[in-house]
PDB file of N, CA and C in Angstrom:
ATOM      1  N   UNK A   1      -9.107  39.409   6.882  1.00  0.00           N
ATOM      2  CA  UNK A   1      -9.877  39.874   5.838  1.00  0.00           C
ATOM      3  C   UNK A   1     -10.019  41.461   5.381  1.00  0.00           C
ATOM      4  N   UNK A   2     -10.361  42.113   4.182  1.00  0.00           N
ATOM      5  CA  UNK A   2     -10.362  42.435   3.518  1.00  0.00           C
ATOM      6  C   UNK A   2     -11.487  43.394   3.054  1.00  0.00           C
ATOM      7  N   UNK A   3     -12.753  42.288   2.737  1.00  0.00           N
ATOM      8  CA  UNK A   3     -13.866  42.671   2.142  1.00  0.00           C
ATOM      9  C   UNK A   3     -14.505  43.711   2.512  1.00  0.00           C
ATOM     10  N   UNK A   4     -14.811  43.810   4.300  1.00  0.00           N
ATOM     11  CA  UNK A   4     -15.748  45.243   4.299  1.00  0.00           C
ATOM     12  C   UNK A   4     -14.484  46.051   3.929  1.00  0.00           C
ATOM     13  N   UNK A   5     -13.356  46.367   4.028  1.00  0.00           N
ATOM     14  CA  UNK A   5     -12.378  47.241   3.729  1.00  0.00           C
ATOM     15  C   UNK A   5     -12.627  47.595   1.777  1.00  0.00           C
ATOM     16  N   UNK A   6     -12.624  46.862   1.066  1.00  0.00           N
ATOM     17  CA  UNK A   6     -13.326  46.998  -0.045  1.00  0.00           C
ATOM     18  C   UNK A   6     -14.636  47.630  -0.307  1.00  0.00           C
ATOM     19  N   UNK A   7     -15.126  47.025   0.462  1.00  0.00           N
ATOM     20  CA  UNK A   7     -17.121  47.283   0.101  1.00  0.00           C
ATOM     21  C   UNK A   7     -17.028  48.910   0.406  1.00  0.00           C
ATOM     22  N   UNK A   8     -16.133  49.252   1.764  1.00  0.00           N
ATOM     23  CA  UNK A   8     -16.525  51.020   1.887  1.00  0.00           C
ATOM     24  C   UNK A   8     -15.610  51.669   0.893  1.00  0.00           C
ATOM     25  N   UNK A   9     -14.544  51.099   0.168  1.00  0.00           N
ATOM     26  CA  UNK A   9     -14.177  51.871  -1.204  1.00  0.00           C
ATOM     27  C   UNK A   9     -15.027  52.391  -1.862  1.00  0.00           C
ATOM     28  N   UNK A  10     -15.650  50.778  -2.263  1.00  0.00           N
ATOM     29  CA  UNK A  10     -16.281  50.857  -3.203  1.00  0.00           C
ATOM     30  C   UNK A  10     -17.891  51.530  -3.236  1.00  0.00           C
ATOM     31  N   UNK A  11     -18.541  51.875  -1.964  1.00  0.00           N
ATOM     32  CA  UNK A  11     -19.214  53.059  -1.622  1.00  0.00           C
ATOM     33  C   UNK A  11     -19.436  54.113  -1.825  1.00  0.00           C
ATOM     34  N   UNK A  12     -18.019  54.490  -2.181  1.00  0.00           N
ATOM     35  CA  UNK A  12     -17.453  55.740  -2.603  1.00  0.00           C
ATOM     36  C   UNK A  12     -16.459  55.782  -3.109  1.00  0.00           C
ATOM     37  N   UNK A  13     -16.312  55.571  -4.212  1.00  0.00           N
ATOM     38  CA  UNK A  13     -15.730  55.522  -4.943  1.00  0.00           C
ATOM     39  C   UNK A  13     -15.297  57.429  -5.537  1.00  0.00           C
ATOM     40  N   UNK A  14     -13.668  57.506  -5.548  1.00  0.00           N
ATOM     41  CA  UNK A  14     -13.535  58.252  -5.891  1.00  0.00           C
ATOM     42  C   UNK A  14     -14.013  59.275  -6.948  1.00  0.00           C
ATOM     43  N   UNK A  15     -14.452  60.411  -7.139  1.00  0.00           N
ATOM     44  CA  UNK A  15     -14.472  61.005  -8.629  1.00  0.00           C
ATOM     45  C   UNK A  15     -13.886  60.992  -9.545  1.00  0.00           C
ATOM     46  N   UNK A  16     -12.650  61.309  -9.180  1.00  0.00           N
ATOM     47  CA  UNK A  16     -11.794  61.300 -10.654  1.00  0.00           C
ATOM     48  C   UNK A  16     -11.632  59.540 -11.392  1.00  0.00           C
ATOM     49  N   UNK A  17     -11.779  58.755 -10.269  1.00  0.00           N
ATOM     50  CA  UNK A  17     -12.061  57.069 -10.630  1.00  0.00           C
ATOM     51  C   UNK A  17     -12.828  57.183 -11.468  1.00  0.00           C
ATOM     52  N   UNK A  18     -13.991  57.249 -11.143  1.00  0.00           N
ATOM     53  CA  UNK A  18     -14.973  57.780 -12.073  1.00  0.00           C
ATOM     54  C   UNK A  18     -15.104  57.966 -13.499  1.00  0.00           C
ATOM     55  N   UNK A  19     -14.427  58.962 -13.510  1.00  0.00           N
ATOM     56  CA  UNK A  19     -14.241  59.800 -14.786  1.00  0.00           C
ATOM     57  C   UNK A  19     -13.150  59.276 -15.784  1.00  0.00           C
ATOM     58  N   UNK A  20     -12.112  58.798 -14.977  1.00  0.00           N
ATOM     59  CA  UNK A  20     -11.108  58.190 -15.812  1.00  0.00           C
ATOM     60  C   UNK A  20     -11.933  56.787 -16.431  1.00  0.00           C
ATOM     61  N   UNK A  21     -12.660  55.667 -15.383  1.00  0.00           N
ATOM     62  CA  UNK A  21     -13.216  54.560 -16.366  1.00  0.00           C
ATOM     63  C   UNK A  21     -14.455  55.291 -17.379  1.00  0.00           C
ATOM     64  N   UNK A  22     -15.013  56.310 -17.332  1.00  0.00           N
ATOM     65  CA  UNK A  22     -15.827  56.682 -18.576  1.00  0.00           C
ATOM     66  C   UNK A  22     -14.947  56.880 -19.314  1.00  0.00           C
ATOM     67  N   UNK A  23     -13.959  57.989 -19.374  1.00  0.00           N
ATOM     68  CA  UNK A  23     -12.808  58.146 -20.292  1.00  0.00           C
ATOM     69  C   UNK A  23     -12.233  57.266 -20.977  1.00  0.00           C
ATOM     70  N   UNK A  24     -12.559  55.960 -20.475  1.00  0.00           N
ATOM     71  CA  UNK A  24     -11.408  54.808 -21.044  1.00  0.00           C
ATOM     72  C   UNK A  24     -12.576  54.088 -22.149  1.00  0.00           C
ATOM     73  N   UNK A  25     -13.567  54.715 -21.968  1.00  0.00           N
ATOM     74  CA  UNK A  25     -14.911  53.698 -22.431  1.00  0.00           C
ATOM     75  C   UNK A  25     -15.461  52.727 -21.972  1.00  0.00           C
ATOM     76  N   UNK A  26     -15.460  52.501 -20.549  1.00  0.00           N
ATOM     77  CA  UNK A  26     -16.186  51.353 -20.031  1.00  0.00           C
ATOM     78  C   UNK A  26     -17.670  52.240 -19.845  1.00  0.00           C
ATOM     79  N   UNK A  27     -18.352  50.886 -19.212  1.00  0.00           N
ATOM     80  CA  UNK A  27     -20.154  51.772 -19.254  1.00  0.00           C
ATOM     81  C   UNK A  27     -20.388  49.972 -18.556  1.00  0.00           C
ATOM     82  N   UNK A  28     -21.240  50.351 -17.623  1.00  0.00           N
ATOM     83  CA  UNK A  28     -21.916  49.109 -16.929  1.00  0.00           C
ATOM     84  C   UNK A  28     -21.481  48.757 -16.185  1.00  0.00           C
ATOM     85  N   UNK A  29     -20.377  48.828 -15.450  1.00  0.00           N
ATOM     86  CA  UNK A  29     -19.724  47.981 -15.126  1.00  0.00           C
ATOM     87  C   UNK A  29     -20.136  48.268 -13.196  1.00  0.00           C
ATOM     88  N   UNK A  30     -19.846  46.619 -13.186  1.00  0.00           N
ATOM     89  CA  UNK A  30     -20.369  46.458 -11.390  1.00  0.00           C
ATOM     90  C   UNK A  30     -19.329  45.199 -11.301  1.00  0.00           C
ATOM     91  N   UNK A  31     -19.403  45.310 -10.109  1.00  0.00           N
ATOM     92  CA  UNK A  31     -18.230  44.274  -9.052  1.00  0.00           C
ATOM     93  C   UNK A  31     -19.041  43.649  -7.978  1.00  0.00           C
ATOM     94  N   UNK A  32     -19.083  42.286  -8.267  1.00  0.00           N
ATOM     95  CA  UNK A  32     -19.807  41.299  -7.244  1.00  0.00           C
ATOM     96  C   UNK A  32     -19.248  40.537  -6.170  1.00  0.00           C
ATOM     97  N   UNK A  33     -19.550  40.072  -5.327  1.00  0.00           N
ATOM     98  CA  UNK A  33     -18.753  39.590  -4.499  1.00  0.00           C
ATOM     99  C   UNK A  33     -19.488  37.971  -4.160  1.00  0.00           C
ATOM    100  N   UNK A  34     -18.575  36.971  -4.137  1.00  0.00           N
ATOM    101  CA  UNK A  34     -19.607  35.435  -3.542  1.00  0.00           C
ATOM    102  C   UNK A  34     -18.849  34.993  -2.963  1.00  0.00           C
ATOM    103  N   UNK A  35     -18.820  33.931  -1.812  1.00  0.00           N
ATOM    104  CA  UNK A  35     -17.490  32.963  -1.280  1.00  0.00           C
ATOM    105  C   UNK A  35     -15.948  32.946  -1.361  1.00  0.00           C
ATOM    106  N   UNK A  36     -16.133  34.829  -0.941  1.00  0.00           N
ATOM    107  CA  UNK A  36     -14.400  34.927  -1.357  1.00  0.00           C
ATOM    108  C   UNK A  36     -13.760  35.421  -2.826  1.00  0.00           C
ATOM    109  N   UNK A  37     -15.049  35.361  -3.708  1.00  0.00           N
ATOM    110  CA  UNK A  37     -14.538  35.784  -5.183  1.00  0.00           C
ATOM    111  C   UNK A  37     -15.259  36.825  -5.330  1.00  0.00           C
ATOM    112  N   UNK A  38     -14.240  38.136  -5.929  1.00  0.00           N
ATOM    113  CA  UNK A  38     -14.747  39.202  -6.523  1.00  0.00           C
ATOM    114  C   UNK A  38     -14.978  38.562  -8.404  1.00  0.00           C
ATOM    115  N   UNK A  39     -15.826  39.518  -8.937  1.00  0.00           N
ATOM    116  CA  UNK A  39     -16.008  39.393 -10.247  1.00  0.00           C
ATOM    117  C   UNK A  39     -16.543  40.397 -10.788  1.00  0.00           C
ATOM    118  N   UNK A  40     -15.953  40.955 -11.644  1.00  0.00           N
ATOM    119  CA  UNK A  40     -16.430  42.080 -12.388  1.00  0.00           C
ATOM    120  C   UNK A  40     -16.527  41.997 -13.877  1.00  0.00           C
ATOM    121  N   UNK A  41     -17.821  43.071 -14.055  1.00  0.00           N
ATOM    122  CA  UNK A  41     -17.875  42.892 -15.333  1.00  0.00           C
ATOM    123  C   UNK A  41     -17.961  44.564 -16.076  1.00  0.00           C
ATOM    124  N   UNK A  42     -18.015  44.348 -17.174  1.00  0.00           N
ATOM    125  CA  UNK A  42     -17.992  46.471 -17.891  1.00  0.00           C
ATOM    126  C   UNK A  42     -17.919  45.541 -18.993  1.00  0.00           C
ATOM    127  N   UNK A  43     -18.951  46.882 -19.482  1.00  0.00           N
ATOM    128  CA  UNK A  43     -19.162  46.722 -21.294  1.00  0.00           C
ATOM    129  C   UNK A  43     -18.128  48.199 -21.855  1.00  0.00           C
ATOM    130  N   UNK A  44     -17.745  47.738 -22.766  1.00  0.00           N
ATOM    131  CA  UNK A  44     -16.453  48.877 -23.390  1.00  0.00           C
ATOM    132  C   UNK A  44     -16.928  49.098 -24.900  1.00  0.00           C
ATOM    133  N   UNK A  45     -16.989  50.849 -24.863  1.00  0.00           N
ATOM    134  CA  UNK A  45     -17.497  51.371 -25.929  1.00  0.00           C
ATOM    135  C   UNK A  45     -16.377  51.543 -27.047  1.00  0.00           C
ATOM    136  N   UNK A  46     -15.036  51.061 -26.765  1.00  0.00           N
ATOM    137  CA  UNK A  46     -14.079  52.163 -27.749  1.00  0.00           C
ATOM    138  C   UNK A  46     -13.730  50.875 -28.793  1.00  0.00           C
ATOM    139  N   UNK A  47     -12.418  51.833 -29.095  1.00  0.00           N
ATOM    140  CA  UNK A  47     -12.396  50.819 -30.332  1.00  0.00           C
ATOM    141  C   UNK A  47     -10.577  49.896 -30.073  1.00  0.00           C
ATOM    142  N   UNK A  48     -10.274  50.669 -29.155  1.00  0.00           N
ATOM    143  CA  UNK A  48      -8.621  50.198 -28.464  1.00  0.00           C
ATOM    144  C   UNK A  48      -8.599  50.339 -26.879  1.00  0.00           C
ATOM    145  N   UNK A  49      -8.979  48.852 -26.781  1.00  0.00           N
ATOM    146  CA  UNK A  49      -8.889  48.170 -25.234  1.00  0.00           C
ATOM    147  C   UNK A  49      -7.794  48.379 -24.766  1.00  0.00           C
ATOM    148  N   UNK A  50      -7.128  48.103 -25.538  1.00  0.00           N
ATOM    149  CA  UNK A  50      -5.713  47.740 -24.497  1.00  0.00           C
ATOM    150  C   UNK A  50      -4.838  48.980 -24.797  1.00  0.00           C
ATOM    151  N   UNK A  51      -5.098  49.920 -25.210  1.00  0.00           N
ATOM    152  CA  UNK A  51      -4.675  51.689 -25.213  1.00  0.00           C
ATOM    153  C   UNK A  51      -5.171  52.303 -24.184  1.00  0.00           C
ATOM    154  N   UNK A  52      -6.935  52.036 -24.204  1.00  0.00           N
ATOM    155  CA  UNK A  52      -7.711  52.255 -22.807  1.00  0.00           C
ATOM    156  C   UNK A  52      -7.299  52.293 -21.515  1.00  0.00           C
ATOM    157  N   UNK A  53      -6.888  50.661 -21.778  1.00  0.00           N
ATOM    158  CA  UNK A  53      -6.065  50.531 -20.163  1.00  0.00           C
ATOM    159  C   UNK A  53      -4.623  50.602 -20.150  1.00  0.00           C
ATOM    160  N   UNK A  54      -4.088  51.177 -20.905  1.00  0.00           N
ATOM    161  CA  UNK A  54      -2.628  51.780 -20.712  1.00  0.00           C
ATOM    162  C   UNK A  54      -2.850  53.382 -20.550  1.00  0.00           C
ATOM    163  N   UNK A  55      -4.268  53.834 -20.612  1.00  0.00           N
ATOM    164  CA  UNK A  55      -4.186  55.137 -20.605  1.00  0.00           C
ATOM    165  C   UNK A  55      -4.646  55.164 -19.215  1.00  0.00           C
ATOM    166  N   UNK A  56      -5.271  54.312 -18.561  1.00  0.00           N
ATOM    167  CA  UNK A  56      -6.110  54.250 -17.144  1.00  0.00           C
ATOM    168  C   UNK A  56      -4.900  53.737 -16.338  1.00  0.00           C
ATOM    169  N   UNK A  57      -4.059  52.869 -16.393  1.00  0.00           N
ATOM    170  CA  UNK A  57      -2.582  52.620 -15.692  1.00  0.00           C
ATOM    171  C   UNK A  57      -1.533  53.657 -15.763  1.00  0.00           C
ATOM    172  N   UNK A  58      -1.819  54.517 -16.318  1.00  0.00           N
ATOM    173  CA  UNK A  58      -1.277  55.498 -16.776  1.00  0.00           C
ATOM    174  C   UNK A  58      -1.634  56.688 -15.194  1.00  0.00           C
ATOM    175  N   UNK A  59      -2.865  56.734 -14.938  1.00  0.00           N
ATOM    176  CA  UNK A  59      -3.387  58.121 -15.045  1.00  0.00           C
ATOM    177  C   UNK A  59      -2.724  57.875 -13.033  1.00  0.00           C
ATOM    178  N   UNK A  60      -2.281  59.174 -12.522  1.00  0.00           N
ATOM    179  CA  UNK A  60      -1.980  59.365 -11.398  1.00  0.00           C
ATOM    180  C   UNK A  60      -2.983  58.869 -10.174  1.00  0.00           C
ATOM    181  N   UNK A  61      -3.989  59.493 -10.356  1.00  0.00           N
ATOM    182  CA  UNK A  61      -5.314  58.518  -9.787  1.00  0.00           C
ATOM    183  C   UNK A  61      -5.454  57.623  -9.362  1.00  0.00           C
ATOM    184  N   UNK A  62      -5.518  56.956 -10.350  1.00  0.00           N
ATOM    185  CA  UNK A  62      -5.980  55.283 -10.623  1.00  0.00           C
ATOM    186  C   UNK A  62      -4.897  54.457 -10.013  1.00  0.00           C
ATOM    187  N   UNK A  63      -3.809  55.137  -9.772  1.00  0.00           N
ATOM    188  CA  UNK A  63      -2.298  54.375  -9.742  1.00  0.00           C
ATOM    189  C   UNK A  63      -2.511  54.623  -7.682  1.00  0.00           C
ATOM    190  N   UNK A  64      -3.001  55.906  -7.143  1.00  0.00           N
ATOM    191  CA  UNK A  64      -3.602  55.772  -5.899  1.00  0.00           C
ATOM    192  C   UNK A  64      -4.819  55.251  -5.489  1.00  0.00           C
ATOM    193  N   UNK A  65      -5.687  55.030  -6.028  1.00  0.00           N
ATOM    194  CA  UNK A  65      -6.927  54.493  -6.045  1.00  0.00           C
ATOM    195  C   UNK A  65      -6.329  52.320  -6.064  1.00  0.00           C
ATOM    196  N   UNK A  66      -5.414  52.558  -6.910  1.00  0.00           N
ATOM    197  CA  UNK A  66      -4.697  50.739  -6.701  1.00  0.00           C
ATOM    198  C   UNK A  66      -4.126  50.473  -5.207  1.00  0.00           C
ATOM    199  N   UNK A  67      -3.398  51.241  -5.026  1.00  0.00           N
ATOM    200  CA  UNK A  67      -2.505  51.458  -4.175  1.00  0.00           C
ATOM    201  C   UNK A  67      -3.255  51.162  -2.990  1.00  0.00           C
ATOM    202  N   UNK A  68      -4.544  51.680  -2.640  1.00  0.00           N
ATOM    203  CA  UNK A  68      -5.514  51.125  -1.576  1.00  0.00           C
ATOM    204  C   UNK A  68      -6.627  49.739  -1.799  1.00  0.00           C
ATOM    205  N   UNK A  69      -6.823  49.790  -3.102  1.00  0.00           N
ATOM    206  CA  UNK A  69      -7.772  48.462  -3.153  1.00  0.00           C
ATOM    207  C   UNK A  69      -6.738  47.071  -3.546  1.00  0.00           C
ATOM    208  N   UNK A  70      -6.142  47.122  -4.014  1.00  0.00           N
ATOM    209  CA  UNK A  70      -4.899  46.187  -4.290  1.00  0.00           C
ATOM    210  C   UNK A  70      -4.776  45.318  -3.105  1.00  0.00           C
ATOM    211  N   UNK A  71      -4.750  45.678  -1.955  1.00  0.00           N
ATOM    212  CA  UNK A  71      -4.296  45.055  -0.786  1.00  0.00           C
ATOM    213  C   UNK A  71      -5.274  44.234  -0.239  1.00  0.00           C
ATOM    214  N   UNK A  72      -7.114  44.656  -0.485  1.00  0.00           N
ATOM    215  CA  UNK A  72      -8.045  44.202  -0.518  1.00  0.00           C
ATOM    216  C   UNK A  72      -7.971  42.965  -1.355  1.00  0.00           C
ATOM    217  N   UNK A  73      -7.483  42.591  -2.565  1.00  0.00           N
ATOM    218  CA  UNK A  73      -7.689  41.696  -3.175  1.00  0.00           C
ATOM    219  C   UNK A  73      -6.266  40.343  -3.641  1.00  0.00           C
ATOM    220  N   UNK A  74      -6.956  39.211  -3.650  1.00  0.00           N
ATOM    221  CA  UNK A  74      -6.508  38.254  -3.910  1.00  0.00           C
ATOM    222  C   UNK A  74      -5.922  37.863  -5.154  1.00  0.00           C
ATOM    223  N   UNK A  75      -5.705  38.063  -6.167  1.00  0.00           N
ATOM    224  CA  UNK A  75      -5.882  37.376  -7.493  1.00  0.00           C
ATOM    225  C   UNK A  75      -5.931  35.655  -7.881  1.00  0.00           C
ATOM    226  N   UNK A  76      -6.809  35.315  -8.636  1.00  0.00           N
ATOM    227  CA  UNK A  76      -6.228  33.818  -8.912  1.00  0.00           C
ATOM    228  C   UNK A  76      -4.897  33.503  -9.608  1.00  0.00           C
ATOM    229  N   UNK A  77      -4.600  31.921  -8.867  1.00  0.00           N
ATOM    230  CA  UNK A  77      -3.244  31.729  -8.811  1.00  0.00           C
ATOM    231  C   UNK A  77      -2.997  31.541 -10.411  1.00  0.00           C
ATOM    232  N   UNK A  78      -4.392  31.064 -10.966  1.00  0.00           N
ATOM    233  CA  UNK A  78      -4.784  30.554 -12.812  1.00  0.00           C
ATOM    234  C   UNK A  78      -4.573  31.725 -13.438  1.00  0.00           C
ATOM    235  N   UNK A  79      -4.497  32.635 -13.596  1.00  0.00           N
ATOM    236  CA  UNK A  79      -4.627  34.139 -14.291  1.00  0.00           C
ATOM    237  C   UNK A  79      -3.428  33.900 -15.091  1.00  0.00           C
ATOM    238  N   UNK A  80      -3.343  34.408 -15.867  1.00  0.00           N
ATOM    239  CA  UNK A  80      -2.617  34.243 -17.191  1.00  0.00           C
ATOM    240  C   UNK A  80      -1.377  35.675 -16.809  1.00  0.00           C
ATOM    241  N   UNK A  81      -0.377  35.857 -17.244  1.00  0.00           N
ATOM    242  CA  UNK A  81       0.986  36.916 -16.941  1.00  0.00           C
ATOM    243  C   UNK A  81       0.676  38.447 -17.099  1.00  0.00           C
ATOM    244  N   UNK A  82       0.731  39.002 -16.043  1.00  0.00           N
ATOM    245  CA  UNK A  82       0.462  40.176 -16.566  1.00  0.00           C
ATOM    246  C   UNK A  82      -0.940  40.809 -15.845  1.00  0.00           C
ATOM    247  N   UNK A  83      -2.079  39.986 -15.938  1.00  0.00           N
ATOM    248  CA  UNK A  83      -3.245  40.289 -15.593  1.00  0.00           C
ATOM    249  C   UNK A  83      -3.529  40.458 -14.153  1.00  0.00           C
ATOM    250  N   UNK A  84      -4.198  41.406 -13.725  1.00  0.00           N
ATOM    251  CA  UNK A  84      -4.489  41.199 -12.107  1.00  0.00           C
ATOM    252  C   UNK A  84      -6.241  40.534 -12.047  1.00  0.00           C
ATOM    253  N   UNK A  85      -6.461  41.291 -12.871  1.00  0.00           N
ATOM    254  CA  UNK A  85      -8.184  40.573 -12.939  1.00  0.00           C
ATOM    255  C   UNK A  85      -8.011  40.055 -13.982  1.00  0.00           C
ATOM    256  N   UNK A  86      -8.324  38.519 -13.981  1.00  0.00           N
ATOM    257  CA  UNK A  86      -8.034  36.919 -14.241  1.00  0.00           C
ATOM    258  C   UNK A  86      -9.421  36.831 -15.689  1.00  0.00           C
ATOM    259  N   UNK A  87      -8.984  36.665 -16.846  1.00  0.00           N
ATOM    260  CA  UNK A  87     -10.017  36.992 -17.804  1.00  0.00           C
ATOM    261  C   UNK A  87     -10.447  35.443 -18.103  1.00  0.00           C
ATOM    262  N   UNK A  88     -12.129  35.615 -18.421  1.00  0.00           N
ATOM    263  CA  UNK A  88     -13.279  34.686 -18.067  1.00  0.00           C
ATOM    264  C   UNK A  88     -13.205  33.801 -19.423  1.00  0.00           C
ATOM    265  N   UNK A  89     -13.551  32.408 -19.744  1.00  0.00           N
ATOM    266  CA  UNK A  89     -14.044  32.479 -21.096  1.00  0.00           C
ATOM    267  C   UNK A  89     -15.773  32.134 -21.007  1.00  0.00           C
ATOM    268  N   UNK A  90     -16.271  33.289 -22.273  1.00  0.00           N
ATOM    269  CA  UNK A  90     -17.491  33.106 -21.873  1.00  0.00           C
ATOM    270  C   UNK A  90     -18.204  31.796 -22.914  1.00  0.00           C
ATOM    271  N   UNK A  91     -18.939  31.507 -22.770  1.00  0.00           N
ATOM    272  CA  UNK A  91     -19.807  29.789 -22.201  1.00  0.00           C
ATOM    273  C   UNK A  91     -20.839  30.412 -22.958  1.00  0.00           C
ATOM    274  N   UNK A  92     -21.500  31.355 -22.476  1.00  0.00           N
ATOM    275  CA  UNK A  92     -22.950  31.382 -23.136  1.00  0.00           C
ATOM    276  C   UNK A  92     -23.234  33.270 -23.614  1.00  0.00           C
ATOM    277  N   UNK A  93     -23.665  34.200 -24.562  1.00  0.00           N
ATOM    278  CA  UNK A  93     -24.558  35.070 -24.609  1.00  0.00           C
ATOM    279  C   UNK A  93     -25.327  35.110 -25.311  1.00  0.00           C
ATOM    280  N   UNK A  94     -26.807  36.393 -24.886  1.00  0.00           N
ATOM    281  CA  UNK A  94     -27.304  36.612 -25.941  1.00  0.00           C
ATOM    282  C   UNK A  94     -27.647  38.075 -26.050  1.00  0.00           C
ATOM    283  N   UNK A  95     -27.859  38.521 -26.736  1.00  0.00           N
ATOM    284  CA  UNK A  95     -28.043  40.197 -26.941  1.00  0.00           C
ATOM    285  C   UNK A  95     -29.541  40.067 -27.195  1.00  0.00           C
TER     286      UNK A  95
END
């Protein structure tokens, strides 16, 4: 199991990764774990999510970060093609 390694990585996220996340208009970002599942939540404050995600994916440090994090994860089989973290349906929201 790679959970402890994943937790260790995220206890000391590389500063370059934190910077690119912010540059890509992401804030209030959290990752939770329960019963073998990871759940990520963030707020997006930009106006072109797809372009910001492409910018993040093209970043060399992000690619290196993913190289060490991805082996710690197993994506859901039910995710859409092209997704790593499966999008979820919102069933309730209150501002």
